[in-house]
Amino acid sequence: MKKNLFTSVIASLIVFIAFGQQFDLSAELRPRYENRHGFKSLLDTISEGSNFVSQRTRLNFGFKNERLKLKIVMQNVRVWGDVGTLSSDDKTSSLHEAWAEAIINTKTSFKLGRQEINYDDQRIFGSVGWAQQARSHDALLFKYTPNANNKLDIGVALNADSQSNIDNLYSNAAGYKSLQYAWYHGDFNTLGVSFLLLNTGIEYLDVNDNQTIDYMQTIGPRLTYKSGNFNANAAAYFQTGKSKNAKVKASYFAGNIGYKVSKEWSLGLGIEQLSGTNSNASSTDIKSFAPLFGTNHKFNGFMDYFYVGNHANSVGLTDINMTLGYSKNKFSAKLMPHLFSAAADVFDGTTKMDASLGTEIDFTIGYKVAKDINLNAGYSKMFATKTLELLKGGDKDKNNSWAWVMITFKPSLFSHKAN
């Protein structure tokens, strides 16, 4: 089957090159070394950190004419050494994207298939590009762009585990059984306005073993402002509805300001709060905000202590952060301290703990080696409190740190445009 699929893809590419208006072929190879010593959670007293190299390899096919856009991204994700030198690694290869977009007219199109969904700052919908496997959805999108300053996307998705003849309980592997959303964005001189209305359904067995779907709604605006060297943004989202027979009532707020001090230097200051649930709460109501399908590594510190496969239905988070950036020619650097605290009360038995969770300091550098080659590296360190130790386990006094080096090759292999 894999051989037949490969043959079909190659045959299709030959047709695209011969008759297509535009065909592009590009690649990406991205190995990354990491030293994890208290990454995502505090290291315990008896364990040592890990060292490994992961790698993402992609082959990107793109096709475009007046009525059609098509993209196929074949991807292999591996850790160096996870497959023997004489073994096959078919299980690590996949189709990251495989979508087509039918262009109805200059304002309207339909896009369907496996695709990345990205909006605004990627807090709710993001591609999670940092993760080697990244994120993509199986969805149908209706896209309406009446002019250059306004756009509307409406998306729907329906998931199942297999082509079954009966209604089986879905595993929620995608994070939802069904999804519907509308996203609007408008640009008005120095002001940008976005609004998201998202409905996600989770399937589960109720107390009577009946298949049930509960729906949660995420609703809210995001504003951006830019004038000269100054920029600012703010967002507020609210979550309501139900999830697995629990009522949802959660909120999110973020605000950031930035200033370009000079051609090379920039400053930023921000605050983000995600609501949480008291650690000793007796109610089953969900008061913890869930950032759902966002690129969460981008937020709340690069050591991924919060909302990167963890910290769900917990005490929430308040993150006060600062950014000092430098960029000149091919070199860039950023220093980003974060002050973390719990948004809800944390208890050790009946004793209320201090809300402070700790301070994380992230430092990154980047260098553009050549047109298609980028080198990046970073070092992060968490200075944790007793409260974070209570929530996460591990030892707050250990050297909880993370270091990484990554090189990215993204060459354009072939481009053909019919006359």
Foldseek 3Di string as FASTA:
>chain_A
DVVVVVVVVVVVVVVCQVDFQKKFKWKKKKKKWKWFAQFLHAAADPDGTDIWIKMKIWIWIWTDDPFKTWIWIKMFIDIVPPADPPGDDVVRIDTQWTKMKTDPDPFKIKIFAKAADADDPQLQGGQLVVPSSTDTDGKMWIKGDPDPFKIKIKIKDADADDPDPDDDFHPCPVVARMKIKMKMWGDDPFKIKIWIWIKGWHWDQAPVGDIDIWIKIKTWMKMKGDDDFKIKIKIKIWMFTDDRRATETWIKIKIKMKGDPDPFKIKMKMKIWTAADEPPDPGRHQHTDQSHNGSPCVDDDVSNNPRPPDPHRHQIKMKIKMWMKGDDDFKIKIKMKIWIFGNHWYDDVPRTDGRTFWMKIKIKMKGPPDPFKIKIKIKMWTQGDVRSCVVRPHDNPDGRMMIMIMMMGMDTDDMHRDD
